[in-house]
Amino acid sequence: MRIGIGVMLGIGLVLTGCGGGRNDKAAAACNTEIGKRMSGRSFTLDMKDLAAHAKEESADTLLLTSTVVLDKGLPTQDKQSYECRVRFDASGNANVLYLQFNFNNADLRQDQ
């Protein structure tokens, strides 16, 4: 019986690793939503960092926080932090409920 339980746990862990966990699915949903909101602007984000900063708010909702680099390598390059709230439906699909960019006012130039 112990061998059977160990095998089942091993298979479960392998399947979880192959399909990506909830944090990875939530990070992918946030990445897609950011792409929609950027309207053609280039952006770079670290998916591993985003997934690592996921916090469970409820049984079906995660809040992810990270930073995104907009227009990397261009004169308009900017780095912004953001928050992305994701809810999982009954079939395990991740849906973005909320996406907020937190702009840093310290970077704004003062008129002289």
C-alpha atoms as a PDB file:
ATOM      1  CA  MET A   1       0.000   0.000   0.000  1.00  0.00           C
ATOM      2  CA  ARG A   2       2.847   2.409   0.785  1.00  0.00           C
ATOM      3  CA  ILE A   3       4.350   1.877  -2.668  1.00  0.00           C
ATOM      4  CA  GLY A   4       1.003   2.661  -4.313  1.00  0.00           C
ATOM      5  CA  ILE A   5       0.628   5.929  -2.389  1.00  0.00           C
ATOM      6  CA  GLY A   6       4.216   6.945  -3.202  1.00  0.00           C
ATOM      7  CA  VAL A   7       3.701   6.229  -6.895  1.00  0.00           C
ATOM      8  CA  MET A   8       0.468   8.236  -6.947  1.00  0.00           C
ATOM      9  CA  LEU A   9       2.122  11.182  -5.205  1.00  0.00           C
ATOM     10  CA  GLY A  10       5.028  11.037  -7.662  1.00  0.00           C
ATOM     11  CA  ILE A  11       2.687  11.005 -10.660  1.00  0.00           C
ATOM     12  CA  GLY A  12       0.740  13.928  -9.191  1.00  0.00           C
ATOM     13  CA  LEU A  13       3.914  15.954  -8.756  1.00  0.00           C
ATOM     14  CA  VAL A  14       5.039  15.216 -12.310  1.00  0.00           C
ATOM     15  CA  LEU A  15       1.657  16.218 -13.734  1.00  0.00           C
ATOM     16  CA  THR A  16       1.657  19.412 -11.702  1.00  0.00           C
ATOM     17  CA  GLY A  17       5.124  20.294 -13.000  1.00  0.00           C
ATOM     18  CA  CYS A  18       4.179  19.606 -16.617  1.00  0.00           C
ATOM     19  CA  GLY A  19       0.962  21.564 -16.611  1.00  0.00           C
ATOM     20  CA  GLY A  20       2.269  24.526 -14.692  1.00  0.00           C
ATOM     21  CA  GLY A  21       0.945  25.518 -11.305  1.00  0.00           C
ATOM     22  CA  ARG A  22      -1.681  28.097 -10.458  1.00  0.00           C
ATOM     23  CA  ASN A  23       0.969  30.800 -10.053  1.00  0.00           C
ATOM     24  CA  ASP A  24       2.338  30.090 -13.549  1.00  0.00           C
ATOM     25  CA  LYS A  25      -1.139  30.115 -15.094  1.00  0.00           C
ATOM     26  CA  ALA A  26      -1.940  33.389 -13.323  1.00  0.00           C
ATOM     27  CA  ALA A  27       1.354  34.920 -14.503  1.00  0.00           C
ATOM     28  CA  ALA A  28       0.575  33.904 -18.094  1.00  0.00           C
ATOM     29  CA  ALA A  29      -2.876  35.507 -17.848  1.00  0.00           C
ATOM     30  CA  CYS A  30      -1.322  38.733 -16.524  1.00  0.00           C
ATOM     31  CA  ASN A  31       1.269  38.734 -19.312  1.00  0.00           C
ATOM     32  CA  THR A  32      -1.487  38.405 -21.922  1.00  0.00           C
ATOM     33  CA  GLU A  33      -3.519  41.209 -20.344  1.00  0.00           C
ATOM     34  CA  ILE A  34      -0.515  43.543 -20.197  1.00  0.00           C
ATOM     35  CA  GLY A  35       0.071  42.853 -23.899  1.00  0.00           C
ATOM     36  CA  LYS A  36      -3.518  43.886 -24.658  1.00  0.00           C
ATOM     37  CA  ARG A  37      -3.176  47.099 -22.648  1.00  0.00           C
ATOM     38  CA  MET A  38       0.154  48.180 -24.161  1.00  0.00           C
ATOM     39  CA  SER A  39      -1.400  48.898 -27.575  1.00  0.00           C
ATOM     40  CA  GLY A  40       1.678  47.962 -29.571  1.00  0.00           C
ATOM     41  CA  ARG A  41       4.322  49.203 -27.107  1.00  0.00           C
ATOM     42  CA  SER A  42       7.090  46.744 -26.441  1.00  0.00           C
ATOM     43  CA  PHE A  43       7.449  45.401 -22.919  1.00  0.00           C
ATOM     44  CA  THR A  44       9.550  42.913 -20.996  1.00  0.00           C
ATOM     45  CA  LEU A  45       8.632  41.146 -17.782  1.00  0.00           C
ATOM     46  CA  ASP A  46      10.076  38.281 -15.773  1.00  0.00           C
ATOM     47  CA  MET A  47       7.454  35.523 -15.665  1.00  0.00           C
ATOM     48  CA  LYS A  48       9.318  33.596 -12.938  1.00  0.00           C
ATOM     49  CA  ASP A  49       9.451  36.715 -10.754  1.00  0.00           C
ATOM     50  CA  LEU A  50       5.784  37.400 -11.371  1.00  0.00           C
ATOM     51  CA  ALA A  51       4.773  33.840 -10.444  1.00  0.00           C
ATOM     52  CA  ALA A  52       7.038  33.961  -7.367  1.00  0.00           C
ATOM     53  CA  HIS A  53       5.250  37.095  -6.115  1.00  0.00           C
ATOM     54  CA  ALA A  54       1.764  35.571  -6.197  1.00  0.00           C
ATOM     55  CA  LYS A  55      -0.240  35.830  -2.990  1.00  0.00           C
ATOM     56  CA  GLU A  56      -3.433  33.919  -2.391  1.00  0.00           C
ATOM     57  CA  GLU A  57      -6.293  36.282  -1.528  1.00  0.00           C
ATOM     58  CA  SER A  58      -8.976  33.599  -1.459  1.00  0.00           C
ATOM     59  CA  ALA A  59      -9.433  30.007  -2.596  1.00  0.00           C
ATOM     60  CA  ASP A  60      -9.857  31.060  -6.228  1.00  0.00           C
ATOM     61  CA  THR A  61      -8.054  34.438  -6.390  1.00  0.00           C
ATOM     62  CA  LEU A  62      -4.352  35.395  -6.554  1.00  0.00           C
ATOM     63  CA  LEU A  63      -2.716  38.834  -6.440  1.00  0.00           C
ATOM     64  CA  LEU A  64       0.556  39.042  -8.379  1.00  0.00           C
ATOM     65  CA  THR A  65       3.024  41.939  -8.187  1.00  0.00           C
ATOM     66  CA  SER A  66       6.173  42.617 -10.172  1.00  0.00           C
ATOM     67  CA  THR A  67       7.783  45.147 -12.510  1.00  0.00           C
ATOM     68  CA  VAL A  68       7.619  45.602 -16.261  1.00  0.00           C
ATOM     69  CA  VAL A  69      10.093  47.375 -18.536  1.00  0.00           C
ATOM     70  CA  LEU A  70       8.367  49.362 -21.263  1.00  0.00           C
ATOM     71  CA  ASP A  71      10.138  50.176 -24.559  1.00  0.00           C
ATOM     72  CA  LYS A  72      13.396  48.514 -23.470  1.00  0.00           C
ATOM     73  CA  GLY A  73      16.444  50.048 -25.152  1.00  0.00           C
ATOM     74  CA  LEU A  74      14.537  53.052 -26.502  1.00  0.00           C
ATOM     75  CA  PRO A  75      14.715  56.675 -25.284  1.00  0.00           C
ATOM     76  CA  THR A  76      11.199  56.194 -23.885  1.00  0.00           C
ATOM     77  CA  GLN A  77      12.253  53.194 -21.747  1.00  0.00           C
ATOM     78  CA  ASP A  78      10.436  53.117 -18.430  1.00  0.00           C
ATOM     79  CA  LYS A  79      10.163  50.625 -15.560  1.00  0.00           C
ATOM     80  CA  GLN A  80       6.850  50.348 -13.719  1.00  0.00           C
ATOM     81  CA  SER A  81       5.563  48.189 -10.908  1.00  0.00           C
ATOM     82  CA  TYR A  82       2.119  46.658 -11.275  1.00  0.00           C
ATOM     83  CA  GLU A  83      -0.501  44.540  -9.560  1.00  0.00           C
ATOM     84  CA  CYS A  84      -2.565  41.890 -11.299  1.00  0.00           C
ATOM     85  CA  ARG A  85      -5.482  40.075  -9.659  1.00  0.00           C
ATOM     86  CA  VAL A  86      -6.492  36.742 -11.192  1.00  0.00           C
ATOM     87  CA  ARG A  87      -9.487  34.517 -10.472  1.00  0.00           C
ATOM     88  CA  PHE A  88      -9.696  30.853 -11.423  1.00  0.00           C
ATOM     89  CA  ASP A  89     -13.030  29.507 -12.643  1.00  0.00           C
ATOM     90  CA  ALA A  90     -14.386  26.031 -11.868  1.00  0.00           C
ATOM     91  CA  SER A  91     -12.487  24.497 -14.808  1.00  0.00           C
ATOM     92  CA  GLY A  92      -9.167  26.046 -13.703  1.00  0.00           C
ATOM     93  CA  ASN A  93      -8.958  28.820 -16.309  1.00  0.00           C
ATOM     94  CA  ALA A  94      -7.257  32.025 -15.134  1.00  0.00           C
ATOM     95  CA  ASN A  95      -9.096  35.313 -15.741  1.00  0.00           C
ATOM     96  CA  VAL A  96      -7.652  38.750 -14.974  1.00  0.00           C
ATOM     97  CA  LEU A  97      -9.985  40.775 -12.780  1.00  0.00           C
ATOM     98  CA  TYR A  98      -7.741  43.785 -12.192  1.00  0.00           C
ATOM     99  CA  LEU A  99      -4.527  45.226 -13.591  1.00  0.00           C
ATOM    100  CA  GLN A 100      -2.976  48.402 -12.185  1.00  0.00           C
ATOM    101  CA  PHE A 101       0.295  50.102 -13.080  1.00  0.00           C
ATOM    102  CA  ASN A 102       1.888  52.022 -10.212  1.00  0.00           C
ATOM    103  CA  PHE A 103       3.717  54.958 -11.757  1.00  0.00           C
ATOM    104  CA  ASN A 104       6.613  56.485  -9.869  1.00  0.00           C
ATOM    105  CA  ASN A 105       6.153  60.263  -9.618  1.00  0.00           C
ATOM    106  CA  ALA A 106       9.783  60.760  -8.566  1.00  0.00           C
ATOM    107  CA  ASP A 107      10.832  60.192 -12.180  1.00  0.00           C
ATOM    108  CA  LEU A 108       8.731  63.073 -13.500  1.00  0.00           C
ATOM    109  CA  ARG A 109      10.685  66.179 -14.445  1.00  0.00           C
ATOM    110  CA  GLN A 110       9.824  69.462 -12.836  1.00  0.00           C
ATOM    111  CA  ASP A 111       9.130  72.408 -15.145  1.00  0.00           C
ATOM    112  CA  GLN A 112      11.803  74.996 -14.697  1.00  0.00           C
END
